Amino acid sequence: MRRRAQRGQGTAGGARRPSRHPGLLALAFVSILSSTLVHAAEPLVLESKIALGDVKGRIDHLAVDAARQRLYVAELGNNSVGVVDLKERKLLRTLPGFREPQGIAYEPSTDTVYVASAGDGSVRLLHAEDLTPAGAIELGEDADNIRIDMSSHRVLVGYGNGALAVIDPVRRQKIAGIRLKAHPESFQAELQGGRIFVNVPDANEIAVLDLAAAKQTSTWATKNLRANFPLAIDGERQQVLVVFRHPAKLGAFNIRDGGMTHAVEACGDSDDLFVDAKRNQIYISCGEGFLDVFAAREDGFVRVAHLATAAGARTSLWVPQLDRLFLAVRAVNDPAAIWIFRPAN
């Protein structure tokens, strides 16, 4: 007892003896400081969450009407489309009656929302002002991703066992089809040049299409990388960026000749990929429950954040006009919601 009391009291006069392990204290201090700095430097900050109501199952892609500040949500597992008021940060409406909606897009020149459904192969159109029906286009099966090509004034839809439908938004009709070797996943059109780059994972390739000629003109093999789902174009560095699931990697291809310049490890089960040109950053949303942020460099990528989100949250949308990243989070332990991230700088 006496020996314990002496140790507790320290040196004479009540002064505590110096620590016998100053190195451990210094190491602990550095660890705390480093953790604080890493947290402070996170490039994306979770700003808010918007509940989507009683929505069950998988959520697929998102689209935005920036002028009205509306977000459209393809609620595949719930056979519905969610309409979110971003200004008021609340659910505006849930539109039922779709059959596994996957792709969704807003076409501004005709003020029309396009919804592509896997269940019946249709593309249904809605008047954006009041969300009433504006027609339908039957593609046959597995209607999927939708893109609006502003340069050609066309709506592009991937579908079936391998095709891209070309739709005239004024006539609201399919005017051409471009054959592919297998079902297309994500694709993007050049701002200028008339080419479309398409992920075709079952063919282990990236297909390069000539929109004016309505045909495939080139093939970029993905070699030992498989399951290429998300795709984006980095115009500043003249690269096509692709995320693979097997193995999970972010790869860059030279936009002129298709040569792969570099690839780095990324989060798993990815489904969306975006380039933030203002900050030279790349955002990847992954179903394993993470958002990856990479800094884009001329000679490669540097992962600057690996942010925990929620299991199954693999679809997202970066909206430069609003300077926000929207992440679709399905109902698991908590109700389905849209998580809104803002860049830290």
Protein backbone atom coordinates (compact mmCIF):
# COMPACT_ATOMS: atom_id res chain seq x y z
CA MET A 1 0.00 0.00 0.00
CA ARG A 2 2.79 2.39 0.90
CA ARG A 3 4.66 1.64 -2.33
CA ARG A 4 1.50 2.36 -4.39
CA ALA A 5 0.95 5.63 -2.50
CA GLN A 6 4.45 6.78 -3.23
CA ARG A 7 4.03 6.04 -6.92
CA GLY A 8 0.79 7.94 -7.01
CA GLN A 9 2.19 10.94 -5.16
CA GLY A 10 5.28 11.32 -7.33
CA THR A 11 8.36 13.23 -6.20
CA ALA A 12 8.75 15.29 -3.11
CA GLY A 13 6.76 18.48 -2.95
CA GLY A 14 3.87 16.95 -4.94
CA ALA A 15 5.57 17.35 -8.35
CA ARG A 16 4.82 14.46 -10.75
CA ARG A 17 7.77 12.59 -12.15
CA PRO A 18 8.46 12.91 -15.88
CA SER A 19 6.99 10.11 -18.00
CA ARG A 20 9.24 7.13 -18.47
CA HIS A 21 7.84 6.77 -22.02
CA PRO A 22 8.03 10.19 -23.72
CA GLY A 23 8.19 8.52 -27.13
CA LEU A 24 4.80 6.91 -26.64
CA LEU A 25 3.24 10.24 -25.70
CA ALA A 26 4.74 11.90 -28.75
CA LEU A 27 3.52 9.09 -30.98
CA ALA A 28 0.01 9.38 -29.58
CA PHE A 29 0.03 13.13 -30.15
CA VAL A 30 1.16 12.72 -33.76
CA SER A 31 -1.51 10.06 -34.35
CA ILE A 32 -4.28 12.34 -33.02
CA LEU A 33 -2.97 15.27 -35.03
CA SER A 34 -2.74 13.21 -38.20
CA SER A 35 -6.29 11.91 -37.74
CA THR A 36 -7.57 15.46 -37.27
CA LEU A 37 -5.77 16.72 -40.36
CA VAL A 38 -7.06 13.86 -42.52
CA HIS A 39 -10.62 14.49 -41.36
CA ALA A 40 -10.30 18.22 -41.97
CA ALA A 41 -8.92 17.63 -45.44
CA GLU A 42 -11.75 15.39 -46.67
CA PRO A 43 -12.71 16.70 -50.12
CA LEU A 44 -16.43 15.90 -49.78
CA VAL A 45 -18.64 16.83 -46.83
CA LEU A 46 -22.02 15.21 -46.17
CA GLU A 47 -24.36 18.20 -46.14
CA SER A 48 -27.81 16.66 -45.74
CA LYS A 49 -30.06 13.65 -46.32
CA ILE A 50 -33.44 13.67 -48.04
CA ALA A 51 -35.77 10.77 -47.24
CA LEU A 52 -37.45 9.14 -50.25
CA GLY A 53 -40.44 7.77 -48.38
CA ASP A 54 -41.50 4.12 -48.37
CA VAL A 55 -39.17 3.01 -51.18
CA LYS A 56 -37.91 -0.56 -51.16
CA GLY A 57 -35.21 -2.33 -53.12
CA ARG A 58 -32.44 -1.24 -55.41
CA ILE A 59 -32.14 2.36 -56.60
CA ASP A 60 -30.59 2.95 -60.00
CA HIS A 61 -29.62 6.13 -61.83
CA LEU A 62 -30.38 9.82 -61.19
CA ALA A 63 -31.04 12.89 -63.32
CA VAL A 64 -31.45 16.59 -62.64
CA ASP A 65 -33.51 19.49 -63.88
CA ALA A 66 -31.12 22.20 -62.71
CA ALA A 67 -33.42 25.12 -63.53
CA ARG A 68 -36.23 23.77 -61.37
CA GLN A 69 -33.77 22.24 -58.89
CA ARG A 70 -35.43 18.85 -59.18
CA LEU A 71 -33.73 15.49 -58.85
CA TYR A 72 -35.26 12.45 -60.55
CA VAL A 73 -34.57 9.02 -59.04
CA ALA A 74 -35.01 5.69 -60.86
CA GLU A 75 -36.30 3.47 -58.05
CA LEU A 76 -35.82 0.13 -59.82
CA GLY A 77 -36.80 -2.21 -56.99
CA ASN A 78 -39.86 -0.13 -56.12
CA ASN A 79 -41.08 0.26 -59.75
CA SER A 80 -41.30 4.01 -59.26
CA VAL A 81 -39.62 7.33 -59.98
CA GLY A 82 -38.90 9.71 -57.13
CA VAL A 83 -39.03 13.47 -57.63
CA VAL A 84 -37.01 15.49 -55.12
CA ASP A 85 -37.20 19.24 -54.54
CA LEU A 86 -33.56 20.20 -54.01
CA LYS A 87 -34.33 23.78 -53.05
CA GLU A 88 -36.63 22.76 -50.21
CA ARG A 89 -34.67 19.55 -49.56
CA LYS A 90 -37.74 17.32 -49.52
CA LEU A 91 -39.54 14.63 -51.51
CA LEU A 92 -41.96 16.20 -53.95
CA ARG A 93 -43.64 13.12 -55.45
CA THR A 94 -43.28 9.40 -56.01
CA LEU A 95 -44.52 8.29 -59.44
CA PRO A 96 -45.64 4.62 -59.53
CA GLY A 97 -46.36 2.31 -62.44
CA PHE A 98 -42.92 1.76 -63.99
CA ARG A 99 -41.37 -1.67 -64.54
CA GLU A 100 -37.85 -1.73 -63.11
CA PRO A 101 -36.77 1.79 -64.15
CA GLN A 102 -33.00 1.97 -64.67
CA GLY A 103 -32.01 4.99 -66.77
CA ILE A 104 -33.40 8.48 -66.42
CA ALA A 105 -32.60 11.83 -68.05
CA TYR A 106 -33.95 15.35 -68.45
CA GLU A 107 -34.00 16.81 -71.98
CA PRO A 108 -34.14 20.62 -71.59
CA SER A 109 -34.99 21.77 -75.13
CA THR A 110 -38.34 19.96 -75.04
CA ASP A 111 -38.70 20.05 -71.23
CA THR A 112 -39.11 16.28 -71.10
CA VAL A 113 -38.12 13.54 -68.65
CA TYR A 114 -37.07 10.19 -70.17
CA VAL A 115 -37.37 6.97 -68.12
CA ALA A 116 -35.94 3.67 -69.42
CA SER A 117 -37.27 0.47 -67.85
CA ALA A 118 -35.65 -2.96 -67.89
CA GLY A 119 -38.90 -4.78 -67.12
CA ASP A 120 -40.73 -3.94 -70.35
CA GLY A 121 -37.99 -2.42 -72.53
CA SER A 122 -39.82 0.87 -72.84
CA VAL A 123 -38.74 4.50 -72.64
CA ARG A 124 -41.54 6.53 -71.12
CA LEU A 125 -41.69 10.29 -71.49
CA LEU A 126 -43.05 12.81 -68.99
CA HIS A 127 -43.83 16.51 -69.33
CA ALA A 128 -41.39 17.98 -66.82
CA GLU A 129 -43.64 20.86 -65.80
CA ASP A 130 -46.45 18.73 -64.37
CA LEU A 131 -44.98 15.18 -64.70
CA THR A 132 -47.87 13.96 -66.86
CA PRO A 133 -47.32 11.31 -69.59
CA ALA A 134 -45.86 12.53 -72.87
CA GLY A 135 -45.63 9.26 -74.79
CA ALA A 136 -43.59 6.07 -74.90
CA ILE A 137 -41.00 4.44 -77.15
CA GLU A 138 -40.80 0.65 -77.20
CA LEU A 139 -37.26 -0.68 -77.56
CA GLY A 140 -37.91 -4.38 -76.90
CA GLU A 141 -36.01 -5.36 -73.76
CA ASP A 142 -33.70 -4.19 -70.97
CA ALA A 143 -33.81 -0.44 -71.62
CA ASP A 144 -31.01 0.97 -69.50
CA ASN A 145 -28.72 4.03 -69.46
CA ILE A 146 -29.84 7.29 -71.06
CA ARG A 147 -27.67 10.21 -72.19
CA ILE A 148 -28.57 13.56 -73.73
CA ASP A 149 -26.11 14.49 -76.49
CA MET A 150 -26.38 18.26 -76.64
CA SER A 151 -24.14 18.65 -79.72
CA SER A 152 -26.29 16.42 -81.95
CA HIS A 153 -29.54 17.20 -80.16
CA ARG A 154 -30.29 13.51 -79.69
CA VAL A 155 -31.35 11.23 -76.82
CA LEU A 156 -29.31 8.02 -76.61
CA VAL A 157 -30.52 4.86 -74.84
CA GLY A 158 -28.67 1.58 -74.30
CA TYR A 159 -30.82 -1.54 -74.47
CA GLY A 160 -31.19 -5.22 -75.33
CA ASN A 161 -28.44 -7.69 -76.10
CA GLY A 162 -26.36 -4.98 -77.69
CA ALA A 163 -27.69 -1.71 -79.13
CA LEU A 164 -27.86 2.03 -78.70
CA ALA A 165 -31.10 3.73 -79.72
CA VAL A 166 -30.92 7.22 -81.21
CA ILE A 167 -34.05 9.28 -80.45
CA ASP A 168 -35.13 12.59 -81.94
CA PRO A 169 -36.50 14.58 -78.95
CA VAL A 170 -38.65 16.84 -81.14
CA ARG A 171 -40.38 14.02 -83.00
CA ARG A 172 -40.13 11.77 -79.92
CA GLN A 173 -39.22 8.83 -82.10
CA LYS A 174 -36.35 6.39 -82.48
CA ILE A 175 -34.60 7.35 -85.71
CA ALA A 176 -31.61 4.98 -85.68
CA GLY A 177 -30.00 2.08 -83.86
CA ILE A 178 -26.32 1.25 -83.45
CA ARG A 179 -25.45 -2.41 -82.98
CA LEU A 180 -23.01 -3.57 -80.29
CA LYS A 181 -21.52 -6.95 -79.39
CA ALA A 182 -23.36 -7.16 -76.05
CA HIS A 183 -25.49 -5.12 -73.67
CA PRO A 184 -24.12 -1.58 -73.15
CA GLU A 185 -23.49 -0.17 -69.72
CA SER A 186 -22.34 3.42 -69.12
CA PHE A 187 -21.51 5.52 -72.18
CA GLN A 188 -20.63 9.13 -72.92
CA ALA A 189 -20.54 11.35 -76.02
CA GLU A 190 -17.75 13.75 -76.89
CA LEU A 191 -18.63 17.41 -76.62
CA GLN A 192 -17.20 17.79 -80.12
CA GLY A 193 -16.18 15.13 -82.59
CA GLY A 194 -19.31 12.98 -82.84
CA ARG A 195 -17.89 9.91 -81.08
CA ILE A 196 -19.58 7.89 -78.35
CA PHE A 197 -17.57 5.72 -75.95
CA VAL A 198 -19.50 2.71 -74.64
CA ASN A 199 -18.66 0.17 -71.95
CA VAL A 200 -19.53 -3.33 -73.18
CA PRO A 201 -18.47 -5.54 -70.25
CA ASP A 202 -19.65 -8.88 -71.63
CA ALA A 203 -17.44 -8.31 -74.69
CA ASN A 204 -14.50 -7.11 -72.56
CA GLU A 205 -14.26 -3.91 -74.55
CA ILE A 206 -14.95 -0.23 -74.86
CA ALA A 207 -16.77 0.39 -78.14
CA VAL A 208 -16.16 3.62 -80.04
CA LEU A 209 -19.14 4.70 -82.15
CA ASP A 210 -19.60 7.25 -84.90
CA LEU A 211 -22.98 8.82 -84.20
CA ALA A 212 -23.42 10.38 -87.65
CA ALA A 213 -22.65 7.09 -89.41
CA ALA A 214 -24.57 5.09 -86.77
CA LYS A 215 -21.91 2.38 -86.49
CA GLN A 216 -19.01 1.14 -84.37
CA THR A 217 -15.69 2.29 -85.74
CA SER A 218 -13.19 1.06 -83.16
CA THR A 219 -12.71 -1.39 -80.28
CA TRP A 220 -10.57 -0.85 -77.20
CA ALA A 221 -9.82 -4.14 -75.48
CA THR A 222 -9.85 -4.13 -71.67
CA LYS A 223 -7.53 -7.19 -71.50
CA ASN A 224 -7.28 -8.60 -67.97
CA LEU A 225 -9.66 -6.00 -66.49
CA ARG A 226 -13.30 -7.06 -66.36
CA ALA A 227 -16.78 -5.70 -65.59
CA ASN A 228 -16.31 -2.15 -66.89
CA PHE A 229 -19.47 -0.36 -65.79
CA PRO A 230 -18.93 3.39 -65.07
CA LEU A 231 -17.36 5.63 -67.73
CA ALA A 232 -16.57 9.35 -67.95
CA ILE A 233 -14.64 11.67 -70.24
CA ASP A 234 -11.90 13.92 -68.87
CA GLY A 235 -11.71 16.60 -71.55
CA GLU A 236 -8.88 18.49 -69.87
CA ARG A 237 -6.51 15.53 -70.01
CA GLN A 238 -8.07 13.98 -73.14
CA GLN A 239 -8.82 10.70 -71.41
CA VAL A 240 -11.67 8.24 -71.18
CA LEU A 241 -11.96 7.07 -67.57
CA VAL A 242 -13.40 3.67 -66.71
CA VAL A 243 -13.91 1.83 -63.42
CA PHE A 244 -13.68 -1.97 -63.44
CA ARG A 245 -15.17 -4.30 -60.84
CA HIS A 246 -12.86 -7.29 -61.43
CA PRO A 247 -10.39 -6.30 -60.18
CA ALA A 248 -11.62 -3.00 -58.73
CA LYS A 249 -9.57 -0.41 -60.58
CA LEU A 250 -9.84 3.04 -62.10
CA GLY A 251 -8.25 3.09 -65.55
CA ALA A 252 -7.44 5.88 -68.02
CA PHE A 253 -7.44 5.49 -71.80
CA ASN A 254 -5.99 7.93 -74.31
CA ILE A 255 -9.00 9.43 -76.07
CA ARG A 256 -7.22 9.47 -79.45
CA ASP A 257 -6.00 5.89 -79.78
CA GLY A 258 -7.51 3.98 -76.85
CA GLY A 259 -4.23 3.03 -75.24
CA MET A 260 -4.45 2.51 -71.47
CA THR A 261 -2.08 4.94 -69.79
CA HIS A 262 -2.50 3.94 -66.15
CA ALA A 263 -4.73 2.13 -63.65
CA VAL A 264 -5.01 2.27 -59.87
CA GLU A 265 -6.97 0.44 -57.18
CA ALA A 266 -10.47 1.76 -56.46
CA CYS A 267 -13.50 0.86 -54.35
CA GLY A 268 -15.54 -2.21 -55.29
CA ASP A 269 -18.91 -2.69 -56.99
CA SER A 270 -18.85 0.73 -58.65
CA ASP A 271 -21.66 2.03 -60.85
CA ASP A 272 -21.06 5.75 -61.33
CA LEU A 273 -18.02 7.91 -62.08
CA PHE A 274 -17.70 11.67 -62.55
CA VAL A 275 -15.05 14.28 -63.26
CA ASP A 276 -15.15 17.51 -61.26
CA ALA A 277 -13.31 19.70 -63.79
CA LYS A 278 -13.24 22.71 -61.47
CA ARG A 279 -11.18 20.89 -58.83
CA ASN A 280 -9.47 18.25 -61.00
CA GLN A 281 -11.11 15.55 -58.91
CA ILE A 282 -12.77 12.24 -59.74
CA TYR A 283 -15.75 10.87 -57.78
CA ILE A 284 -16.63 7.15 -57.75
CA SER A 285 -19.64 5.66 -55.92
CA CYS A 286 -19.41 2.00 -54.94
CA GLY A 287 -21.86 -0.59 -53.71
CA GLU A 288 -19.42 -1.94 -51.13
CA GLY A 289 -20.24 1.25 -49.19
CA PHE A 290 -17.68 3.88 -50.15
CA LEU A 291 -17.14 7.04 -52.14
CA ASP A 292 -13.65 7.28 -53.60
CA VAL A 293 -12.16 10.65 -54.47
CA PHE A 294 -9.09 10.85 -56.69
CA ALA A 295 -6.99 13.84 -57.60
CA ALA A 296 -6.40 13.83 -61.36
CA ARG A 297 -2.82 14.26 -62.53
CA GLU A 298 -1.27 14.31 -65.99
CA ASP A 299 0.56 11.05 -65.25
CA GLY A 300 -1.93 9.27 -62.99
CA PHE A 301 -4.33 9.46 -60.06
CA VAL A 302 -3.88 9.96 -56.34
CA ARG A 303 -6.64 8.72 -54.04
CA VAL A 304 -7.30 11.51 -51.56
CA ALA A 305 -10.38 10.08 -49.79
CA HIS A 306 -12.13 6.76 -49.17
CA LEU A 307 -15.38 7.85 -47.53
CA ALA A 308 -17.71 5.35 -45.85
CA THR A 309 -21.34 5.58 -47.05
CA ALA A 310 -23.80 2.65 -47.02
CA ALA A 311 -23.88 -0.85 -48.47
CA GLY A 312 -25.50 -0.91 -51.91
CA ALA A 313 -25.15 2.85 -52.50
CA ARG A 314 -23.47 2.56 -55.87
CA THR A 315 -25.31 5.13 -58.00
CA SER A 316 -24.76 8.87 -57.80
CA LEU A 317 -24.85 12.09 -59.81
CA TRP A 318 -22.42 14.99 -59.90
CA VAL A 319 -24.13 18.26 -60.90
CA PRO A 320 -21.62 21.03 -61.70
CA GLN A 321 -24.36 23.69 -61.93
CA LEU A 322 -25.30 23.04 -58.30
CA ASP A 323 -21.78 22.05 -57.19
CA ARG A 324 -23.11 18.97 -55.41
CA LEU A 325 -22.79 15.18 -55.53
CA PHE A 326 -26.03 13.24 -54.95
CA LEU A 327 -25.80 9.65 -53.71
CA ALA A 328 -28.71 7.18 -53.85
CA VAL A 329 -28.92 5.10 -50.64
CA ARG A 330 -31.36 2.21 -50.62
CA ALA A 331 -33.42 1.18 -47.60
CA VAL A 332 -31.58 -1.30 -45.38
CA ASN A 333 -31.51 -0.34 -41.71
CA ASP A 334 -32.74 3.17 -42.44
CA PRO A 335 -35.29 4.41 -45.01
CA ALA A 336 -34.13 5.10 -48.56
CA ALA A 337 -32.63 8.55 -49.01
CA ILE A 338 -30.58 10.86 -51.16
CA TRP A 339 -27.35 11.92 -49.47
CA ILE A 340 -26.02 15.30 -50.58
CA PHE A 341 -22.28 15.96 -50.54
CA ARG A 342 -20.65 19.32 -51.13
CA PRO A 343 -17.00 19.86 -52.03
CA ALA A 344 -14.96 21.13 -49.09
CA ASN A 345 -13.33 23.88 -51.17
